[in-house]
N, C-alpha and C. Protein backbone atom coordinates (compact mmCIF):
# COMPACT_ATOMS: atom_id res chain seq x y z
N MET A 1 35.15 45.67 172.21
CA MET A 1 35.61 47.02 171.87
C MET A 1 35.44 47.24 170.37
N ALA A 2 34.66 48.19 170.02
CA ALA A 2 34.43 48.50 168.60
C ALA A 2 35.54 49.41 168.08
N ILE A 3 35.84 49.24 166.82
CA ILE A 3 36.83 50.10 166.17
C ILE A 3 36.13 51.42 165.82
N GLU A 4 36.72 52.51 166.28
CA GLU A 4 36.13 53.82 165.99
C GLU A 4 37.20 54.74 165.42
N GLU A 5 36.83 55.44 164.36
CA GLU A 5 37.76 56.41 163.78
C GLU A 5 38.04 57.49 164.82
N GLY A 6 39.32 57.85 164.96
CA GLY A 6 39.73 58.85 165.94
C GLY A 6 40.13 58.26 167.28
N LYS A 7 39.82 56.99 167.51
CA LYS A 7 40.17 56.32 168.77
C LYS A 7 41.43 55.48 168.56
N ALA A 8 42.08 55.11 169.65
CA ALA A 8 43.29 54.28 169.57
C ALA A 8 42.96 52.91 168.98
N ALA A 9 43.81 52.46 168.10
CA ALA A 9 43.66 51.12 167.52
C ALA A 9 44.12 50.10 168.55
N PRO A 10 43.44 48.96 168.65
CA PRO A 10 43.90 47.93 169.58
C PRO A 10 45.30 47.45 169.18
N MET A 11 46.19 47.40 170.14
CA MET A 11 47.55 46.93 169.87
C MET A 11 47.53 45.41 169.71
N PHE A 12 48.43 44.91 168.89
CA PHE A 12 48.53 43.47 168.70
C PHE A 12 49.95 43.09 168.32
N THR A 13 50.26 41.82 168.53
CA THR A 13 51.51 41.22 168.07
C THR A 13 51.12 39.88 167.46
N LEU A 14 51.50 39.67 166.20
CA LEU A 14 51.18 38.43 165.50
C LEU A 14 52.42 37.95 164.74
N PRO A 15 52.50 36.64 164.50
CA PRO A 15 53.64 36.12 163.74
C PRO A 15 53.47 36.30 162.23
N ASP A 16 54.60 36.58 161.56
CA ASP A 16 54.59 36.66 160.10
C ASP A 16 54.85 35.26 159.53
N ALA A 17 55.04 35.16 158.23
CA ALA A 17 55.21 33.86 157.57
C ALA A 17 56.43 33.09 158.08
N GLN A 18 57.45 33.81 158.55
CA GLN A 18 58.67 33.16 159.06
C GLN A 18 58.63 32.94 160.57
N GLY A 19 57.53 33.32 161.20
CA GLY A 19 57.40 33.15 162.65
C GLY A 19 57.92 34.34 163.45
N ASN A 20 58.38 35.40 162.77
CA ASN A 20 58.84 36.60 163.47
C ASN A 20 57.62 37.36 164.00
N LYS A 21 57.75 37.91 165.19
CA LYS A 21 56.65 38.67 165.79
C LYS A 21 56.62 40.09 165.21
N VAL A 22 55.43 40.49 164.79
CA VAL A 22 55.23 41.85 164.28
C VAL A 22 54.25 42.53 165.23
N ALA A 23 54.69 43.65 165.83
CA ALA A 23 53.87 44.36 166.80
C ALA A 23 53.45 45.71 166.22
N LEU A 24 52.17 46.00 166.31
CA LEU A 24 51.66 47.28 165.80
C LEU A 24 52.35 48.45 166.49
N ARG A 25 52.61 48.33 167.79
CA ARG A 25 53.23 49.46 168.52
C ARG A 25 54.62 49.80 167.97
N GLU A 26 55.30 48.82 167.37
CA GLU A 26 56.63 49.08 166.81
C GLU A 26 56.55 49.86 165.49
N LEU A 27 55.34 50.00 164.96
CA LEU A 27 55.15 50.74 163.71
C LEU A 27 54.64 52.15 163.94
N LYS A 28 54.63 52.56 165.23
CA LYS A 28 54.18 53.91 165.56
C LYS A 28 55.04 54.91 164.78
N GLY A 29 54.39 55.96 164.32
CA GLY A 29 55.09 56.94 163.50
C GLY A 29 54.88 56.72 162.01
N LYS A 30 54.24 55.59 161.67
CA LYS A 30 53.96 55.27 160.27
C LYS A 30 52.46 55.09 160.08
N ASP A 31 52.01 55.32 158.86
CA ASP A 31 50.64 54.95 158.50
C ASP A 31 50.66 53.45 158.22
N VAL A 32 49.70 52.73 158.79
CA VAL A 32 49.64 51.28 158.64
C VAL A 32 48.25 50.89 158.15
N ILE A 33 48.23 50.12 157.07
CA ILE A 33 46.98 49.55 156.57
C ILE A 33 46.94 48.11 157.03
N VAL A 34 45.94 47.76 157.83
CA VAL A 34 45.77 46.38 158.29
C VAL A 34 44.51 45.86 157.59
N TYR A 35 44.72 44.91 156.68
CA TYR A 35 43.54 44.38 156.00
C TYR A 35 43.33 42.93 156.40
N PHE A 36 42.09 42.62 156.71
CA PHE A 36 41.70 41.29 157.18
C PHE A 36 41.01 40.56 156.04
N TYR A 37 41.44 39.32 155.81
CA TYR A 37 40.86 38.54 154.72
C TYR A 37 40.67 37.10 155.17
N PRO A 38 39.70 36.39 154.56
CA PRO A 38 39.37 35.05 155.04
C PRO A 38 40.43 33.96 154.83
N ARG A 39 41.03 33.90 153.61
CA ARG A 39 41.88 32.74 153.37
C ARG A 39 42.83 32.94 152.20
N ASP A 40 44.05 32.45 152.35
CA ASP A 40 45.03 32.46 151.26
C ASP A 40 44.52 31.62 150.09
N ASN A 41 44.89 32.04 148.89
CA ASN A 41 44.62 31.28 147.66
C ASN A 41 43.15 31.09 147.31
N THR A 42 42.27 31.91 147.83
CA THR A 42 40.87 31.87 147.40
C THR A 42 40.69 33.01 146.40
N PRO A 43 39.70 32.93 145.53
CA PRO A 43 39.60 33.92 144.45
C PRO A 43 39.57 35.38 144.92
N GLY A 44 38.67 35.72 145.83
CA GLY A 44 38.56 37.11 146.28
C GLY A 44 39.81 37.58 147.02
N CYS A 45 40.33 36.72 147.87
CA CYS A 45 41.52 37.09 148.66
C CYS A 45 42.74 37.25 147.77
N THR A 46 42.85 36.42 146.74
CA THR A 46 43.96 36.52 145.81
C THR A 46 43.86 37.82 145.01
N LYS A 47 42.65 38.16 144.54
CA LYS A 47 42.46 39.41 143.79
C LYS A 47 42.82 40.62 144.65
N GLN A 48 42.41 40.59 145.92
CA GLN A 48 42.70 41.71 146.81
C GLN A 48 44.20 41.83 147.05
N ALA A 49 44.85 40.72 147.37
CA ALA A 49 46.30 40.75 147.63
C ALA A 49 47.07 41.21 146.39
N CYS A 50 46.67 40.73 145.22
CA CYS A 50 47.36 41.12 143.98
C CYS A 50 47.12 42.59 143.65
N ALA A 51 45.94 43.11 144.00
CA ALA A 51 45.68 44.53 143.78
C ALA A 51 46.57 45.39 144.69
N PHE A 52 46.74 44.97 145.95
CA PHE A 52 47.68 45.69 146.83
C PHE A 52 49.10 45.59 146.24
N ARG A 53 49.46 44.41 145.76
CA ARG A 53 50.79 44.22 145.15
C ARG A 53 50.98 45.16 143.96
N ASP A 54 49.96 45.24 143.10
CA ASP A 54 50.08 46.06 141.90
C ASP A 54 50.19 47.55 142.20
N LEU A 55 49.67 47.96 143.35
CA LEU A 55 49.76 49.37 143.77
C LEU A 55 50.92 49.61 144.74
N TRP A 56 51.70 48.58 144.98
CA TRP A 56 52.73 48.62 146.01
C TRP A 56 53.70 49.78 145.84
N GLY A 57 54.14 50.04 144.60
CA GLY A 57 55.10 51.12 144.37
C GLY A 57 54.58 52.45 144.90
N GLU A 58 53.32 52.75 144.60
CA GLU A 58 52.72 54.00 145.07
C GLU A 58 52.53 54.00 146.58
N ILE A 59 52.05 52.89 147.11
CA ILE A 59 51.79 52.79 148.55
C ILE A 59 53.09 52.93 149.33
N GLU A 60 54.10 52.20 148.91
CA GLU A 60 55.40 52.22 149.59
C GLU A 60 56.04 53.60 149.50
N SER A 61 55.89 54.27 148.34
CA SER A 61 56.50 55.60 148.18
C SER A 61 55.89 56.63 149.13
N LEU A 62 54.68 56.35 149.62
CA LEU A 62 54.03 57.23 150.59
C LEU A 62 54.43 56.88 152.04
N GLY A 63 55.28 55.85 152.19
CA GLY A 63 55.75 55.45 153.51
C GLY A 63 54.73 54.64 154.31
N VAL A 64 53.77 54.04 153.59
CA VAL A 64 52.70 53.30 154.25
C VAL A 64 53.08 51.82 154.35
N VAL A 65 52.79 51.22 155.51
CA VAL A 65 53.02 49.80 155.75
C VAL A 65 51.70 49.07 155.52
N VAL A 66 51.75 47.93 154.82
CA VAL A 66 50.56 47.11 154.61
C VAL A 66 50.76 45.78 155.31
N LEU A 67 49.77 45.40 156.12
CA LEU A 67 49.77 44.11 156.80
C LEU A 67 48.49 43.37 156.44
N GLY A 68 48.62 42.18 155.89
CA GLY A 68 47.46 41.34 155.62
C GLY A 68 47.31 40.35 156.74
N VAL A 69 46.10 40.17 157.26
CA VAL A 69 45.88 39.27 158.40
C VAL A 69 44.79 38.27 158.05
N SER A 70 45.10 36.98 158.25
CA SER A 70 44.09 35.92 158.08
C SER A 70 44.38 34.83 159.11
N PRO A 71 43.46 33.87 159.24
CA PRO A 71 43.71 32.78 160.20
C PRO A 71 44.73 31.75 159.70
N ASP A 72 45.18 31.87 158.45
CA ASP A 72 46.08 30.88 157.87
C ASP A 72 47.43 30.81 158.59
N SER A 73 48.10 29.67 158.42
CA SER A 73 49.41 29.44 159.04
C SER A 73 50.51 30.21 158.32
N GLY A 74 51.64 30.32 158.97
CA GLY A 74 52.80 30.96 158.36
C GLY A 74 53.22 30.25 157.08
N ALA A 75 53.16 28.92 157.07
CA ALA A 75 53.54 28.15 155.88
C ALA A 75 52.60 28.48 154.72
N SER A 76 51.32 28.59 155.01
CA SER A 76 50.34 28.95 153.98
C SER A 76 50.64 30.35 153.44
N HIS A 77 50.90 31.29 154.36
CA HIS A 77 51.23 32.66 153.95
C HIS A 77 52.48 32.70 153.08
N GLU A 78 53.47 31.92 153.45
CA GLU A 78 54.72 31.92 152.69
C GLU A 78 54.48 31.44 151.26
N LYS A 79 53.72 30.36 151.10
CA LYS A 79 53.40 29.85 149.76
C LYS A 79 52.60 30.88 148.97
N PHE A 80 51.60 31.48 149.62
CA PHE A 80 50.73 32.48 148.98
C PHE A 80 51.56 33.68 148.52
N ALA A 81 52.40 34.20 149.40
CA ALA A 81 53.24 35.37 149.08
C ALA A 81 54.21 35.05 147.95
N ASN A 82 54.82 33.87 147.98
CA ASN A 82 55.76 33.49 146.93
C ASN A 82 55.06 33.29 145.58
N LYS A 83 53.92 32.63 145.60
CA LYS A 83 53.17 32.33 144.38
C LYS A 83 52.75 33.61 143.65
N PHE A 84 52.38 34.65 144.41
CA PHE A 84 51.87 35.88 143.81
C PHE A 84 52.81 37.07 143.98
N ASN A 85 54.06 36.82 144.40
CA ASN A 85 55.06 37.89 144.57
C ASN A 85 54.53 39.04 145.42
N LEU A 86 53.99 38.72 146.57
CA LEU A 86 53.44 39.75 147.45
C LEU A 86 54.58 40.42 148.23
N PRO A 87 54.72 41.74 148.12
CA PRO A 87 55.85 42.44 148.75
C PRO A 87 55.58 42.91 150.18
N PHE A 88 54.38 42.69 150.69
CA PHE A 88 54.04 43.15 152.04
C PHE A 88 53.90 41.95 152.98
N THR A 89 53.80 42.25 154.26
CA THR A 89 53.79 41.22 155.29
C THR A 89 52.40 40.63 155.52
N LEU A 90 52.36 39.30 155.61
CA LEU A 90 51.13 38.60 155.95
C LEU A 90 51.29 38.05 157.37
N LEU A 91 50.26 38.24 158.18
CA LEU A 91 50.30 37.81 159.58
C LEU A 91 49.25 36.73 159.85
N SER A 92 49.58 35.84 160.78
CA SER A 92 48.67 34.75 161.14
C SER A 92 47.95 35.05 162.45
N ASP A 93 46.63 34.88 162.41
CA ASP A 93 45.77 35.05 163.59
C ASP A 93 44.85 33.82 163.68
N PRO A 94 45.45 32.63 163.97
CA PRO A 94 44.66 31.39 163.93
C PRO A 94 43.53 31.33 164.95
N ASP A 95 43.70 31.98 166.10
CA ASP A 95 42.61 31.94 167.10
C ASP A 95 41.65 33.11 166.94
N LYS A 96 41.92 33.96 165.94
CA LYS A 96 41.04 35.08 165.54
C LYS A 96 40.83 36.11 166.65
N LYS A 97 41.75 36.18 167.60
CA LYS A 97 41.62 37.16 168.70
C LYS A 97 41.77 38.60 168.20
N VAL A 98 42.76 38.83 167.35
CA VAL A 98 42.97 40.18 166.82
C VAL A 98 41.81 40.54 165.89
N MET A 99 41.42 39.58 165.05
CA MET A 99 40.29 39.83 164.14
C MET A 99 39.03 40.19 164.93
N THR A 100 38.80 39.52 166.02
CA THR A 100 37.62 39.80 166.85
C THR A 100 37.70 41.21 167.42
N LYS A 101 38.88 41.61 167.92
CA LYS A 101 39.07 42.97 168.46
C LYS A 101 38.79 44.03 167.41
N TYR A 102 39.11 43.73 166.17
CA TYR A 102 38.97 44.68 165.07
C TYR A 102 37.64 44.57 164.33
N GLY A 103 36.75 43.74 164.85
CA GLY A 103 35.45 43.58 164.20
C GLY A 103 35.53 42.82 162.89
N ALA A 104 36.61 42.08 162.70
CA ALA A 104 36.83 41.35 161.44
C ALA A 104 36.47 39.87 161.55
N PHE A 105 35.90 39.49 162.67
CA PHE A 105 35.42 38.11 162.82
C PHE A 105 34.08 38.18 163.54
N GLY A 106 33.10 37.52 162.97
CA GLY A 106 31.79 37.53 163.59
C GLY A 106 30.74 37.01 162.63
N GLU A 107 29.50 37.41 162.90
CA GLU A 107 28.39 36.93 162.08
C GLU A 107 28.37 37.65 160.74
N LYS A 108 28.19 36.88 159.70
CA LYS A 108 28.07 37.44 158.36
C LYS A 108 27.09 36.58 157.57
N VAL A 109 26.66 37.11 156.45
CA VAL A 109 25.72 36.38 155.61
C VAL A 109 26.45 35.94 154.34
N MET A 110 26.44 34.63 154.12
CA MET A 110 27.04 34.08 152.90
C MET A 110 25.99 33.25 152.19
N TYR A 111 25.75 33.58 150.95
CA TYR A 111 24.76 32.85 150.15
C TYR A 111 23.41 32.79 150.85
N GLY A 112 23.04 33.92 151.49
CA GLY A 112 21.75 34.02 152.15
C GLY A 112 21.65 33.35 153.50
N LYS A 113 22.76 32.80 153.98
CA LYS A 113 22.76 32.09 155.25
C LYS A 113 23.70 32.77 156.25
N LYS A 114 23.24 32.92 157.49
CA LYS A 114 24.10 33.52 158.52
C LYS A 114 25.13 32.50 158.98
N THR A 115 26.39 32.93 159.02
CA THR A 115 27.47 32.08 159.50
C THR A 115 28.44 32.93 160.31
N MET A 116 29.32 32.28 161.05
CA MET A 116 30.41 32.97 161.73
C MET A 116 31.64 32.84 160.84
N GLY A 117 32.36 33.93 160.67
CA GLY A 117 33.55 33.86 159.83
C GLY A 117 34.31 35.17 159.80
N VAL A 118 35.34 35.17 158.98
CA VAL A 118 36.17 36.36 158.81
C VAL A 118 35.41 37.36 157.94
N ILE A 119 35.35 38.58 158.40
CA ILE A 119 34.69 39.67 157.67
C ILE A 119 35.78 40.48 156.98
N ARG A 120 35.75 40.48 155.65
CA ARG A 120 36.77 41.21 154.90
C ARG A 120 36.64 42.70 155.24
N SER A 121 37.67 43.24 155.86
CA SER A 121 37.63 44.63 156.29
C SER A 121 39.06 45.18 156.35
N THR A 122 39.15 46.50 156.47
CA THR A 122 40.45 47.16 156.49
C THR A 122 40.42 48.30 157.50
N VAL A 123 41.54 48.45 158.22
CA VAL A 123 41.68 49.55 159.16
C VAL A 123 42.97 50.29 158.83
N TRP A 124 42.85 51.61 158.73
CA TRP A 124 44.01 52.48 158.51
C TRP A 124 44.35 53.08 159.86
N VAL A 125 45.54 52.71 160.36
CA VAL A 125 46.03 53.23 161.64
C VAL A 125 47.05 54.31 161.33
N GLY A 126 46.82 55.50 161.88
CA GLY A 126 47.72 56.63 161.64
C GLY A 126 49.00 56.54 162.44
N PRO A 127 49.94 57.42 162.17
CA PRO A 127 51.23 57.43 162.87
C PRO A 127 51.10 57.57 164.39
N ASN A 128 49.99 58.15 164.84
CA ASN A 128 49.77 58.34 166.28
C ASN A 128 49.09 57.14 166.93
N GLY A 129 48.87 56.06 166.16
CA GLY A 129 48.24 54.86 166.71
C GLY A 129 46.72 54.91 166.76
N LYS A 130 46.16 55.98 166.18
CA LYS A 130 44.69 56.10 166.17
C LYS A 130 44.13 55.67 164.80
N VAL A 131 42.91 55.19 164.84
CA VAL A 131 42.25 54.74 163.62
C VAL A 131 41.87 55.95 162.78
N LYS A 132 42.40 56.01 161.56
CA LYS A 132 42.07 57.10 160.64
C LYS A 132 40.83 56.75 159.83
N LYS A 133 40.74 55.48 159.43
CA LYS A 133 39.59 55.05 158.63
C LYS A 133 39.36 53.56 158.85
N HIS A 134 38.08 53.19 158.85
CA HIS A 134 37.70 51.79 159.01
C HIS A 134 36.71 51.42 157.92
N TRP A 135 37.14 50.54 157.04
CA TRP A 135 36.24 49.99 156.03
C TRP A 135 35.69 48.71 156.64
N LYS A 136 34.47 48.76 157.18
CA LYS A 136 33.92 47.66 157.97
C LYS A 136 33.62 46.39 157.19
N ARG A 137 33.14 46.54 156.00
CA ARG A 137 32.82 45.37 155.16
C ARG A 137 33.19 45.70 153.73
N VAL A 138 34.21 45.04 153.25
CA VAL A 138 34.69 45.27 151.89
C VAL A 138 33.92 44.35 150.95
N ALA A 139 33.18 44.95 150.03
CA ALA A 139 32.36 44.16 149.11
C ALA A 139 33.15 43.69 147.89
N LYS A 140 33.90 44.59 147.28
CA LYS A 140 34.63 44.24 146.06
C LYS A 140 36.12 44.18 146.37
N ALA A 141 36.59 42.97 146.65
CA ALA A 141 37.97 42.76 147.08
C ALA A 141 38.98 43.31 146.08
N ALA A 142 38.75 43.09 144.79
CA ALA A 142 39.71 43.51 143.76
C ALA A 142 39.83 45.03 143.66
N ASP A 143 38.74 45.75 143.94
CA ASP A 143 38.73 47.20 143.80
C ASP A 143 39.16 47.93 145.08
N HIS A 144 39.13 47.24 146.19
CA HIS A 144 39.34 47.88 147.48
C HIS A 144 40.73 48.52 147.64
N PRO A 145 41.83 47.86 147.28
CA PRO A 145 43.14 48.51 147.46
C PRO A 145 43.25 49.87 146.78
N ALA A 146 42.63 50.04 145.64
CA ALA A 146 42.66 51.35 144.96
C ALA A 146 41.92 52.40 145.79
N LYS A 147 40.83 52.00 146.44
CA LYS A 147 40.09 52.93 147.31
C LYS A 147 40.93 53.32 148.53
N VAL A 148 41.68 52.36 149.05
CA VAL A 148 42.57 52.64 150.19
C VAL A 148 43.65 53.63 149.77
N LEU A 149 44.28 53.37 148.63
CA LEU A 149 45.33 54.28 148.14
C LEU A 149 44.76 55.67 147.90
N GLU A 150 43.58 55.74 147.33
CA GLU A 150 42.92 57.02 147.05
C GLU A 150 42.70 57.81 148.36
N ALA A 151 42.25 57.11 149.40
CA ALA A 151 42.02 57.76 150.70
C ALA A 151 43.34 58.27 151.29
N ILE A 152 44.40 57.50 151.17
CA ILE A 152 45.70 57.90 151.69
C ILE A 152 46.19 59.14 150.94
N GLN A 153 46.13 59.08 149.61
CA GLN A 153 46.59 60.22 148.81
C GLN A 153 45.80 61.49 149.11
N LYS A 154 44.50 61.35 149.27
CA LYS A 154 43.63 62.49 149.57
C LYS A 154 44.04 63.11 150.92
N GLU A 155 44.26 62.25 151.91
CA GLU A 155 44.66 62.71 153.24
C GLU A 155 46.01 63.43 153.19
N LEU A 156 46.96 62.82 152.49
CA LEU A 156 48.31 63.41 152.43
C LEU A 156 48.32 64.71 151.62
N ASP A 157 47.48 64.79 150.59
CA ASP A 157 47.40 66.01 149.79
C ASP A 157 46.83 67.17 150.59
N SER A 158 45.92 66.86 151.52
CA SER A 158 45.29 67.92 152.31
C SER A 158 46.11 68.29 153.55
N ALA A 159 47.14 67.51 153.84
CA ALA A 159 47.95 67.76 155.04
C ALA A 159 48.94 68.88 154.82
């Protein structure tokens, strides 16, 4: 199932760093940013997470929920969140089932070589559970959160 703007987002339930289950359907009525990243504590992933953190005040004031998803364990997420003071929820998808549904796991090219792995991407799920925007392949991890915030602000300003 491909992610398509205007179509229903695939529902999921994943554990957070403390092992609590977080279900997308329980966030209905809110704008939710689900960003998929390869690994805690790697340079690009750290820059992306810290950029979301640095924009958190603005994002939160708009009532938007941010969920970071990677294959890492809850313990890894907890250390990562504590080390960088991340105020949003990180979810674990060790078997990559949710990532696969969202097109965030598959074939990619790294250093000129095709490999299977996590594809850095972001999906904005609207309050109605439909995909508002899908950034299929995020090239510049550090700059991406600002682009997400810009898209949210633009949408809310036109509403």
